[in-house]
All heavy atoms as atom14 arrays in JSON, in Angstrom:
{
  "sequence": "RGHDAADEVLDAAESHGAGLIVIGLRRRTPVGKLIMGSTAQRIL",
  "atom14_mask": [
    [1, 1, 1, 1, 1, 1, 1, 1, 1, 1, 1, 0, 0, 0],
    [1, 1, 1, 1, 0, 0, 0, 0, 0, 0, 0, 0, 0, 0],
    [1, 1, 1, 1, 1, 1, 1, 1, 1, 1, 0, 0, 0, 0],
    [1, 1, 1, 1, 1, 1, 1, 1, 0, 0, 0, 0, 0, 0],
    [1, 1, 1, 1, 1, 0, 0, 0, 0, 0, 0, 0, 0, 0],
    [1, 1, 1, 1, 1, 0, 0, 0, 0, 0, 0, 0, 0, 0],
    [1, 1, 1, 1, 1, 1, 1, 1, 0, 0, 0, 0, 0, 0],
    [1, 1, 1, 1, 1, 1, 1, 1, 1, 0, 0, 0, 0, 0],
    [1, 1, 1, 1, 1, 1, 1, 0, 0, 0, 0, 0, 0, 0],
    [1, 1, 1, 1, 1, 1, 1, 1, 0, 0, 0, 0, 0, 0],
    [1, 1, 1, 1, 1, 1, 1, 1, 0, 0, 0, 0, 0, 0],
    [1, 1, 1, 1, 1, 0, 0, 0, 0, 0, 0, 0, 0, 0],
    [1, 1, 1, 1, 1, 0, 0, 0, 0, 0, 0, 0, 0, 0],
    [1, 1, 1, 1, 1, 1, 1, 1, 1, 0, 0, 0, 0, 0],
    [1, 1, 1, 1, 1, 1, 0, 0, 0, 0, 0, 0, 0, 0],
    [1, 1, 1, 1, 1, 1, 1, 1, 1, 1, 0, 0, 0, 0],
    [1, 1, 1, 1, 0, 0, 0, 0, 0, 0, 0, 0, 0, 0],
    [1, 1, 1, 1, 1, 0, 0, 0, 0, 0, 0, 0, 0, 0],
    [1, 1, 1, 1, 0, 0, 0, 0, 0, 0, 0, 0, 0, 0],
    [1, 1, 1, 1, 1, 1, 1, 1, 0, 0, 0, 0, 0, 0],
    [1, 1, 1, 1, 1, 1, 1, 1, 0, 0, 0, 0, 0, 0],
    [1, 1, 1, 1, 1, 1, 1, 0, 0, 0, 0, 0, 0, 0],
    [1, 1, 1, 1, 1, 1, 1, 1, 0, 0, 0, 0, 0, 0],
    [1, 1, 1, 1, 0, 0, 0, 0, 0, 0, 0, 0, 0, 0],
    [1, 1, 1, 1, 1, 1, 1, 1, 0, 0, 0, 0, 0, 0],
    [1, 1, 1, 1, 1, 1, 1, 1, 1, 1, 1, 0, 0, 0],
    [1, 1, 1, 1, 1, 1, 1, 1, 1, 1, 1, 0, 0, 0],
    [1, 1, 1, 1, 1, 1, 1, 1, 1, 1, 1, 0, 0, 0],
    [1, 1, 1, 1, 1, 1, 1, 0, 0, 0, 0, 0, 0, 0],
    [1, 1, 1, 1, 1, 1, 1, 0, 0, 0, 0, 0, 0, 0],
    [1, 1, 1, 1, 1, 1, 1, 0, 0, 0, 0, 0, 0, 0],
    [1, 1, 1, 1, 0, 0, 0, 0, 0, 0, 0, 0, 0, 0],
    [1, 1, 1, 1, 1, 1, 1, 1, 1, 0, 0, 0, 0, 0],
    [1, 1, 1, 1, 1, 1, 1, 1, 0, 0, 0, 0, 0, 0],
    [1, 1, 1, 1, 1, 1, 1, 1, 0, 0, 0, 0, 0, 0],
    [1, 1, 1, 1, 1, 1, 1, 1, 0, 0, 0, 0, 0, 0],
    [1, 1, 1, 1, 0, 0, 0, 0, 0, 0, 0, 0, 0, 0],
    [1, 1, 1, 1, 1, 1, 0, 0, 0, 0, 0, 0, 0, 0],
    [1, 1, 1, 1, 1, 1, 1, 0, 0, 0, 0, 0, 0, 0],
    [1, 1, 1, 1, 1, 0, 0, 0, 0, 0, 0, 0, 0, 0],
    [1, 1, 1, 1, 1, 1, 1, 1, 1, 0, 0, 0, 0, 0],
    [1, 1, 1, 1, 1, 1, 1, 1, 1, 1, 1, 0, 0, 0],
    [1, 1, 1, 1, 1, 1, 1, 1, 0, 0, 0, 0, 0, 0],
    [1, 1, 1, 1, 1, 1, 1, 1, 0, 0, 0, 0, 0, 0]
  ],
  "atom14_positions": [
    [[2.3, -5.64, -29.29], [1.13, -4.78, -29.36], [1.31, -3.44, -28.67], [0.37, -2.69, -28.54], [-0.07, -5.5, -28.73], [-0.37, -6.81, -29.41], [-1.58, -7.46, -28.85], [-1.4, -7.78, -27.44], [-2.25, -8.5, -26.75], [-3.35, -8.95, -27.3], [-2.03, -8.77, -25.48], [0.0, 0.0, 0.0], [0.0, 0.0, 0.0], [0.0, 0.0, 0.0]],
    [[2.5, -3.16, -28.18], [2.72, -1.9, -27.5], [2.34, -1.93, -26.03], [2.4, -0.91, -25.37], [0.0, 0.0, 0.0], [0.0, 0.0, 0.0], [0.0, 0.0, 0.0], [0.0, 0.0, 0.0], [0.0, 0.0, 0.0], [0.0, 0.0, 0.0], [0.0, 0.0, 0.0], [0.0, 0.0, 0.0], [0.0, 0.0, 0.0], [0.0, 0.0, 0.0]],
    [[1.93, -3.09, -25.52], [1.58, -3.21, -24.09], [2.82, -3.54, -23.29], [3.77, -4.12, -23.82], [0.55, -4.31, -23.88], [-0.73, -4.07, -24.59], [-1.65, -5.06, -24.8], [-1.27, -2.95, -25.15], [-2.69, -4.58, -25.44], [-2.48, -3.3, -25.67], [0.0, 0.0, 0.0], [0.0, 0.0, 0.0], [0.0, 0.0, 0.0], [0.0, 0.0, 0.0]],
    [[2.79, -3.24, -22.01], [3.93, -3.62, -21.19], [3.83, -5.11, -20.83], [2.8, -5.76, -21.01], [4.11, -2.72, -19.98], [3.06, -2.89, -18.91], [2.27, -3.85, -18.95], [3.03, -2.06, -17.99], [0.0, 0.0, 0.0], [0.0, 0.0, 0.0], [0.0, 0.0, 0.0], [0.0, 0.0, 0.0], [0.0, 0.0, 0.0], [0.0, 0.0, 0.0]],
    [[4.93, -5.64, -20.33], [5.02, -7.07, -20.05], [3.99, -7.55, -19.04], [3.42, -8.64, -19.18], [6.43, -7.41, -19.57], [0.0, 0.0, 0.0], [0.0, 0.0, 0.0], [0.0, 0.0, 0.0], [0.0, 0.0, 0.0], [0.0, 0.0, 0.0], [0.0, 0.0, 0.0], [0.0, 0.0, 0.0], [0.0, 0.0, 0.0], [0.0, 0.0, 0.0]],
    [[3.71, -6.74, -18.03], [2.72, -7.14, -17.02], [1.35, -7.33, -17.67], [0.66, -8.32, -17.4], [2.65, -6.11, -15.9], [0.0, 0.0, 0.0], [0.0, 0.0, 0.0], [0.0, 0.0, 0.0], [0.0, 0.0, 0.0], [0.0, 0.0, 0.0], [0.0, 0.0, 0.0], [0.0, 0.0, 0.0], [0.0, 0.0, 0.0], [0.0, 0.0, 0.0]],
    [[0.96, -6.4, -18.52], [-0.33, -6.53, -19.21], [-0.38, -7.79, -20.07], [-1.39, -8.5, -20.1], [-0.61, -5.31, -20.09], [-0.94, -4.07, -19.29], [-1.44, -4.2, -18.15], [-0.7, -2.96, -19.81], [0.0, 0.0, 0.0], [0.0, 0.0, 0.0], [0.0, 0.0, 0.0], [0.0, 0.0, 0.0], [0.0, 0.0, 0.0], [0.0, 0.0, 0.0]],
    [[0.71, -8.08, -20.76], [0.74, -9.26, -21.63], [0.62, -10.55, -20.82], [-0.11, -11.47, -21.2], [2.01, -9.29, -22.48], [2.13, -8.16, -23.47], [1.09, -8.16, -24.59], [0.23, -9.07, -24.65], [1.12, -7.23, -25.41], [0.0, 0.0, 0.0], [0.0, 0.0, 0.0], [0.0, 0.0, 0.0], [0.0, 0.0, 0.0], [0.0, 0.0, 0.0]],
    [[1.32, -10.63, -19.7], [1.24, -11.82, -18.86], [-0.16, -11.96, -18.27], [-0.74, -13.05, -18.29], [2.32, -11.79, -17.75], [2.09, -12.88, -16.72], [3.71, -11.93, -18.37], [0.0, 0.0, 0.0], [0.0, 0.0, 0.0], [0.0, 0.0, 0.0], [0.0, 0.0, 0.0], [0.0, 0.0, 0.0], [0.0, 0.0, 0.0], [0.0, 0.0, 0.0]],
    [[-0.7, -10.88, -17.76], [-2.04, -10.92, -17.17], [-3.1, -11.26, -18.21], [-4.02, -12.03, -17.94], [-2.35, -9.6, -16.47], [-1.51, -9.32, -15.23], [-1.66, -7.86, -14.8], [-1.85, -10.26, -14.1], [0.0, 0.0, 0.0], [0.0, 0.0, 0.0], [0.0, 0.0, 0.0], [0.0, 0.0, 0.0], [0.0, 0.0, 0.0], [0.0, 0.0, 0.0]],
    [[-2.99, -10.7, -19.42], [-3.93, -11.02, -20.49], [-3.85, -12.5, -20.86], [-4.87, -13.16, -21.06], [-3.66, -10.17, -21.73], [-4.04, -8.71, -21.56], [-4.72, -8.37, -20.55], [-3.66, -7.9, -22.43], [0.0, 0.0, 0.0], [0.0, 0.0, 0.0], [0.0, 0.0, 0.0], [0.0, 0.0, 0.0], [0.0, 0.0, 0.0], [0.0, 0.0, 0.0]],
    [[-2.63, -13.02, -20.97], [-2.45, -14.43, -21.31], [-3.02, -15.33, -20.22], [-3.63, -16.36, -20.5], [-0.98, -14.75, -21.55], [0.0, 0.0, 0.0], [0.0, 0.0, 0.0], [0.0, 0.0, 0.0], [0.0, 0.0, 0.0], [0.0, 0.0, 0.0], [0.0, 0.0, 0.0], [0.0, 0.0, 0.0], [0.0, 0.0, 0.0], [0.0, 0.0, 0.0]],
    [[-2.82, -14.94, -18.97], [-3.34, -15.74, -17.85], [-4.86, -15.83, -17.93], [-5.44, -16.89, -17.73], [-2.9, -15.14, -16.52], [0.0, 0.0, 0.0], [0.0, 0.0, 0.0], [0.0, 0.0, 0.0], [0.0, 0.0, 0.0], [0.0, 0.0, 0.0], [0.0, 0.0, 0.0], [0.0, 0.0, 0.0], [0.0, 0.0, 0.0], [0.0, 0.0, 0.0]],
    [[-5.49, -14.71, -18.26], [-6.95, -14.71, -18.36], [-7.42, -15.51, -19.57], [-8.32, -16.34, -19.46], [-7.45, -13.26, -18.45], [-8.96, -13.18, -18.5], [-9.47, -11.75, -18.56], [-8.74, -10.82, -18.15], [-10.61, -11.58, -19.02], [0.0, 0.0, 0.0], [0.0, 0.0, 0.0], [0.0, 0.0, 0.0], [0.0, 0.0, 0.0], [0.0, 0.0, 0.0]],
    [[-6.81, -15.28, -20.72], [-7.3, -15.92, -21.94], [-6.97, -17.41, -22.01], [-7.65, -18.15, -22.71], [-6.78, -15.2, -23.18], [-5.38, -15.28, -23.26], [0.0, 0.0, 0.0], [0.0, 0.0, 0.0], [0.0, 0.0, 0.0], [0.0, 0.0, 0.0], [0.0, 0.0, 0.0], [0.0, 0.0, 0.0], [0.0, 0.0, 0.0], [0.0, 0.0, 0.0]],
    [[-5.95, -17.85, -21.29], [-5.57, -19.27, -21.31], [-5.98, -20.01, -20.04], [-5.53, -21.14, -19.82], [-4.06, -19.41, -21.55], [-3.65, -19.03, -22.93], [-3.63, -19.93, -23.98], [-3.29, -17.84, -23.45], [-3.25, -19.31, -25.08], [-3.04, -18.04, -24.78], [0.0, 0.0, 0.0], [0.0, 0.0, 0.0], [0.0, 0.0, 0.0], [0.0, 0.0, 0.0]],
    [[-6.77, -19.39, -19.2], [-7.26, -20.05, -18.0], [-6.14, -20.52, -17.08], [-6.09, -21.68, -16.69], [0.0, 0.0, 0.0], [0.0, 0.0, 0.0], [0.0, 0.0, 0.0], [0.0, 0.0, 0.0], [0.0, 0.0, 0.0], [0.0, 0.0, 0.0], [0.0, 0.0, 0.0], [0.0, 0.0, 0.0], [0.0, 0.0, 0.0], [0.0, 0.0, 0.0]],
    [[-5.26, -19.61, -16.73], [-4.1, -19.97, -15.91], [-4.5, -20.39, -14.5], [-5.31, -19.73, -13.86], [-3.12, -18.8, -15.84], [0.0, 0.0, 0.0], [0.0, 0.0, 0.0], [0.0, 0.0, 0.0], [0.0, 0.0, 0.0], [0.0, 0.0, 0.0], [0.0, 0.0, 0.0], [0.0, 0.0, 0.0], [0.0, 0.0, 0.0], [0.0, 0.0, 0.0]],
    [[-3.9, -21.47, -14.06], [-4.01, -21.88, -12.67], [-2.81, -21.4, -11.88], [-2.8, -21.42, -10.65], [0.0, 0.0, 0.0], [0.0, 0.0, 0.0], [0.0, 0.0, 0.0], [0.0, 0.0, 0.0], [0.0, 0.0, 0.0], [0.0, 0.0, 0.0], [0.0, 0.0, 0.0], [0.0, 0.0, 0.0], [0.0, 0.0, 0.0], [0.0, 0.0, 0.0]],
    [[-1.77, -20.93, -12.61], [-0.53, -20.46, -11.99], [0.2, -19.56, -12.97], [0.26, -19.86, -14.16], [0.37, -21.63, -11.6], [1.72, -21.3, -10.98], [1.54, -20.71, -9.58], [2.6, -22.54, -10.92], [0.0, 0.0, 0.0], [0.0, 0.0, 0.0], [0.0, 0.0, 0.0], [0.0, 0.0, 0.0], [0.0, 0.0, 0.0], [0.0, 0.0, 0.0]],
    [[0.78, -18.48, -12.45], [1.7, -17.64, -13.21], [3.06, -17.76, -12.55], [3.17, -17.7, -11.33], [1.25, -16.16, -13.2], [-0.11, -15.99, -13.87], [2.31, -15.27, -13.87], [-0.69, -14.59, -13.72], [0.0, 0.0, 0.0], [0.0, 0.0, 0.0], [0.0, 0.0, 0.0], [0.0, 0.0, 0.0], [0.0, 0.0, 0.0], [0.0, 0.0, 0.0]],
    [[4.11, -17.92, -13.36], [5.47, -17.98, -12.85], [6.24, -16.79, -13.42], [6.2, -16.55, -14.63], [6.18, -19.3, -13.23], [7.58, -19.34, -12.65], [5.36, -20.5, -12.77], [0.0, 0.0, 0.0], [0.0, 0.0, 0.0], [0.0, 0.0, 0.0], [0.0, 0.0, 0.0], [0.0, 0.0, 0.0], [0.0, 0.0, 0.0], [0.0, 0.0, 0.0]],
    [[6.92, -16.06, -12.54], [7.72, -14.9, -12.97], [9.09, -14.97, -12.32], [9.25, -15.55, -11.25], [7.04, -13.57, -12.61], [6.77, -13.47, -11.11], [5.76, -13.37, -13.42], [6.25, -12.11, -10.65], [0.0, 0.0, 0.0], [0.0, 0.0, 0.0], [0.0, 0.0, 0.0], [0.0, 0.0, 0.0], [0.0, 0.0, 0.0], [0.0, 0.0, 0.0]],
    [[10.05, -14.38, -12.97], [11.39, -14.27, -12.4], [11.55, -12.92, -11.74], [11.01, -11.92, -12.2], [0.0, 0.0, 0.0], [0.0, 0.0, 0.0], [0.0, 0.0, 0.0], [0.0, 0.0, 0.0], [0.0, 0.0, 0.0], [0.0, 0.0, 0.0], [0.0, 0.0, 0.0], [0.0, 0.0, 0.0], [0.0, 0.0, 0.0], [0.0, 0.0, 0.0]],
    [[12.28, -12.9, -10.64], [12.55, -11.65, -9.92], [14.02, -11.31, -10.03], [14.88, -12.18, -9.87], [12.19, -11.79, -8.44], [10.74, -11.96, -8.07], [10.6, -12.07, -6.56], [9.91, -10.8, -8.59], [0.0, 0.0, 0.0], [0.0, 0.0, 0.0], [0.0, 0.0, 0.0], [0.0, 0.0, 0.0], [0.0, 0.0, 0.0], [0.0, 0.0, 0.0]],
    [[14.29, -10.06, -10.25], [15.69, -9.61, -10.22], [15.91, -8.8, -8.97], [14.97, -8.24, -8.39], [16.05, -8.81, -11.46], [15.27, -7.57, -11.64], [15.6, -6.95, -13.0], [14.68, -5.85, -13.23], [15.07, -4.64, -13.52], [16.35, -4.36, -13.63], [14.19, -3.69, -13.7], [0.0, 0.0, 0.0], [0.0, 0.0, 0.0], [0.0, 0.0, 0.0]],
    [[17.12, -8.75, -8.55], [17.45, -8.01, -7.35], [17.51, -6.52, -7.69], [18.13, -6.11, -8.65], [18.79, -8.47, -6.81], [18.78, -9.95, -6.46], [20.09, -10.42, -5.89], [20.28, -11.84, -5.92], [19.52, -12.77, -5.37], [18.43, -12.44, -4.74], [19.81, -14.05, -5.45], [0.0, 0.0, 0.0], [0.0, 0.0, 0.0], [0.0, 0.0, 0.0]],
    [[16.79, -5.72, -6.88], [16.76, -4.27, -7.08], [16.88, -3.59, -5.73], [16.45, -4.13, -4.72], [15.45, -3.86, -7.74], [15.3, -4.43, -9.13], [13.98, -4.13, -9.72], [13.87, -2.7, -9.99], [12.88, -2.17, -10.67], [11.94, -2.94, -11.14], [12.82, -0.88, -10.88], [0.0, 0.0, 0.0], [0.0, 0.0, 0.0], [0.0, 0.0, 0.0]],
    [[17.41, -2.4, -5.76], [17.49, -1.62, -4.53], [16.11, -1.07, -4.2], [15.26, -0.92, -5.1], [18.46, -0.43, -4.7], [17.9, 0.47, -5.66], [19.85, -0.9, -5.12], [0.0, 0.0, 0.0], [0.0, 0.0, 0.0], [0.0, 0.0, 0.0], [0.0, 0.0, 0.0], [0.0, 0.0, 0.0], [0.0, 0.0, 0.0], [0.0, 0.0, 0.0]],
    [[15.86, -0.72, -2.95], [14.56, -0.12, -2.62], [14.28, 1.15, -3.42], [13.16, 1.37, -3.85], [14.69, 0.17, -1.13], [15.66, -0.85, -0.62], [16.66, -1.02, -1.76], [0.0, 0.0, 0.0], [0.0, 0.0, 0.0], [0.0, 0.0, 0.0], [0.0, 0.0, 0.0], [0.0, 0.0, 0.0], [0.0, 0.0, 0.0], [0.0, 0.0, 0.0]],
    [[15.3, 1.96, -3.64], [15.1, 3.18, -4.43], [14.78, 2.83, -5.87], [13.9, 3.43, -6.49], [16.35, 4.1, -4.35], [16.23, 5.27, -5.3], [16.57, 4.57, -2.93], [0.0, 0.0, 0.0], [0.0, 0.0, 0.0], [0.0, 0.0, 0.0], [0.0, 0.0, 0.0], [0.0, 0.0, 0.0], [0.0, 0.0, 0.0], [0.0, 0.0, 0.0]],
    [[15.44, 1.82, -6.41], [15.15, 1.38, -7.77], [13.72, 0.92, -7.92], [13.05, 1.2, -8.92], [0.0, 0.0, 0.0], [0.0, 0.0, 0.0], [0.0, 0.0, 0.0], [0.0, 0.0, 0.0], [0.0, 0.0, 0.0], [0.0, 0.0, 0.0], [0.0, 0.0, 0.0], [0.0, 0.0, 0.0], [0.0, 0.0, 0.0], [0.0, 0.0, 0.0]],
    [[13.19, 0.24, -6.93], [11.79, -0.2, -6.95], [10.85, 0.98, -6.91], [9.82, 1.01, -7.59], [11.51, -1.13, -5.76], [12.21, -2.46, -5.87], [11.95, -3.27, -4.62], [12.89, -4.45, -4.58], [12.8, -5.16, -3.31], [0.0, 0.0, 0.0], [0.0, 0.0, 0.0], [0.0, 0.0, 0.0], [0.0, 0.0, 0.0], [0.0, 0.0, 0.0]],
    [[11.18, 1.98, -6.09], [10.32, 3.15, -5.94], [10.26, 3.97, -7.23], [9.19, 4.35, -7.69], [10.84, 4.02, -4.79], [10.1, 5.33, -4.55], [8.68, 5.05, -4.06], [10.85, 6.17, -3.54], [0.0, 0.0, 0.0], [0.0, 0.0, 0.0], [0.0, 0.0, 0.0], [0.0, 0.0, 0.0], [0.0, 0.0, 0.0], [0.0, 0.0, 0.0]],
    [[11.41, 4.21, -7.82], [11.47, 5.07, -9.0], [10.98, 4.36, -10.26], [10.23, 4.92, -11.05], [12.92, 5.58, -9.22], [13.31, 6.48, -8.06], [13.06, 6.3, -10.55], [14.76, 6.88, -8.06], [0.0, 0.0, 0.0], [0.0, 0.0, 0.0], [0.0, 0.0, 0.0], [0.0, 0.0, 0.0], [0.0, 0.0, 0.0], [0.0, 0.0, 0.0]],
    [[11.38, 3.14, -10.46], [11.1, 2.44, -11.7], [9.78, 1.68, -11.71], [9.33, 1.26, -12.75], [12.25, 1.46, -12.01], [13.6, 2.12, -12.18], [13.63, 3.27, -13.54], [13.65, 2.12, -14.9], [0.0, 0.0, 0.0], [0.0, 0.0, 0.0], [0.0, 0.0, 0.0], [0.0, 0.0, 0.0], [0.0, 0.0, 0.0], [0.0, 0.0, 0.0]],
    [[9.18, 1.43, -10.57], [8.0, 0.57, -10.56], [8.45, -0.87, -10.71], [9.63, -1.17, -10.72], [0.0, 0.0, 0.0], [0.0, 0.0, 0.0], [0.0, 0.0, 0.0], [0.0, 0.0, 0.0], [0.0, 0.0, 0.0], [0.0, 0.0, 0.0], [0.0, 0.0, 0.0], [0.0, 0.0, 0.0], [0.0, 0.0, 0.0], [0.0, 0.0, 0.0]],
    [[7.51, -1.76, -10.86], [7.9, -3.16, -10.95], [6.85, -3.95, -11.72], [5.68, -3.99, -11.32], [8.07, -3.74, -9.55], [8.24, -5.14, -9.62], [0.0, 0.0, 0.0], [0.0, 0.0, 0.0], [0.0, 0.0, 0.0], [0.0, 0.0, 0.0], [0.0, 0.0, 0.0], [0.0, 0.0, 0.0], [0.0, 0.0, 0.0], [0.0, 0.0, 0.0]],
    [[7.28, -4.56, -12.8], [6.41, -5.46, -13.56], [5.95, -6.6, -12.67], [4.77, -6.95, -12.64], [7.16, -6.0, -14.8], [7.52, -4.9, -15.63], [6.3, -6.97, -15.57], [0.0, 0.0, 0.0], [0.0, 0.0, 0.0], [0.0, 0.0, 0.0], [0.0, 0.0, 0.0], [0.0, 0.0, 0.0], [0.0, 0.0, 0.0], [0.0, 0.0, 0.0]],
    [[6.89, -7.17, -11.93], [6.56, -8.28, -11.04], [5.52, -7.86, -10.01], [4.58, -8.59, -9.72], [7.82, -8.79, -10.35], [0.0, 0.0, 0.0], [0.0, 0.0, 0.0], [0.0, 0.0, 0.0], [0.0, 0.0, 0.0], [0.0, 0.0, 0.0], [0.0, 0.0, 0.0], [0.0, 0.0, 0.0], [0.0, 0.0, 0.0], [0.0, 0.0, 0.0]],
    [[5.67, -6.66, -9.45], [4.72, -6.18, -8.45], [3.32, -6.06, -9.03], [2.34, -6.46, -8.41], [5.18, -4.84, -7.89], [4.27, -4.32, -6.8], [4.76, -3.0, -6.24], [5.66, -2.37, -6.76], [4.15, -2.57, -5.16], [0.0, 0.0, 0.0], [0.0, 0.0, 0.0], [0.0, 0.0, 0.0], [0.0, 0.0, 0.0], [0.0, 0.0, 0.0]],
    [[3.21, -5.54, -10.23], [1.89, -5.42, -10.88], [1.27, -6.79, -11.08], [0.07, -6.98, -10.84], [2.01, -4.72, -12.23], [2.12, -3.23, -12.07], [1.75, -2.44, -13.32], [0.53, -2.9, -13.93], [0.4, -3.1, -15.25], [1.41, -2.88, -16.06], [-0.74, -3.5, -15.74], [0.0, 0.0, 0.0], [0.0, 0.0, 0.0], [0.0, 0.0, 0.0]],
    [[2.06, -7.76, -11.53], [1.52, -9.1, -11.74], [1.09, -9.7, -10.41], [-0.01, -10.26, -10.3], [2.55, -10.0, -12.46], [2.79, -9.48, -13.88], [2.09, -11.45, -12.46], [3.97, -10.12, -14.59], [0.0, 0.0, 0.0], [0.0, 0.0, 0.0], [0.0, 0.0, 0.0], [0.0, 0.0, 0.0], [0.0, 0.0, 0.0], [0.0, 0.0, 0.0]],
    [[1.92, -9.58, -9.39], [1.57, -10.12, -8.07], [0.28, -9.52, -7.53], [-0.54, -10.22, -6.94], [2.71, -9.86, -7.08], [3.95, -10.72, -7.25], [5.12, -10.11, -6.48], [3.69, -12.13, -6.79], [0.0, 0.0, 0.0], [0.0, 0.0, 0.0], [0.0, 0.0, 0.0], [0.0, 0.0, 0.0], [0.0, 0.0, 0.0], [0.0, 0.0, 0.0]]
  ]
}
């Protein structure tokens, strides 16, 4: 639908009555987190 992954996960959690969301984390440098943002951070 053109949405980013965080939006899709959050929408699914709401529409399916999630009691838990599970996400995978990749290792990133602090600068990489600052510049690129983080899907995981938005979900958290």
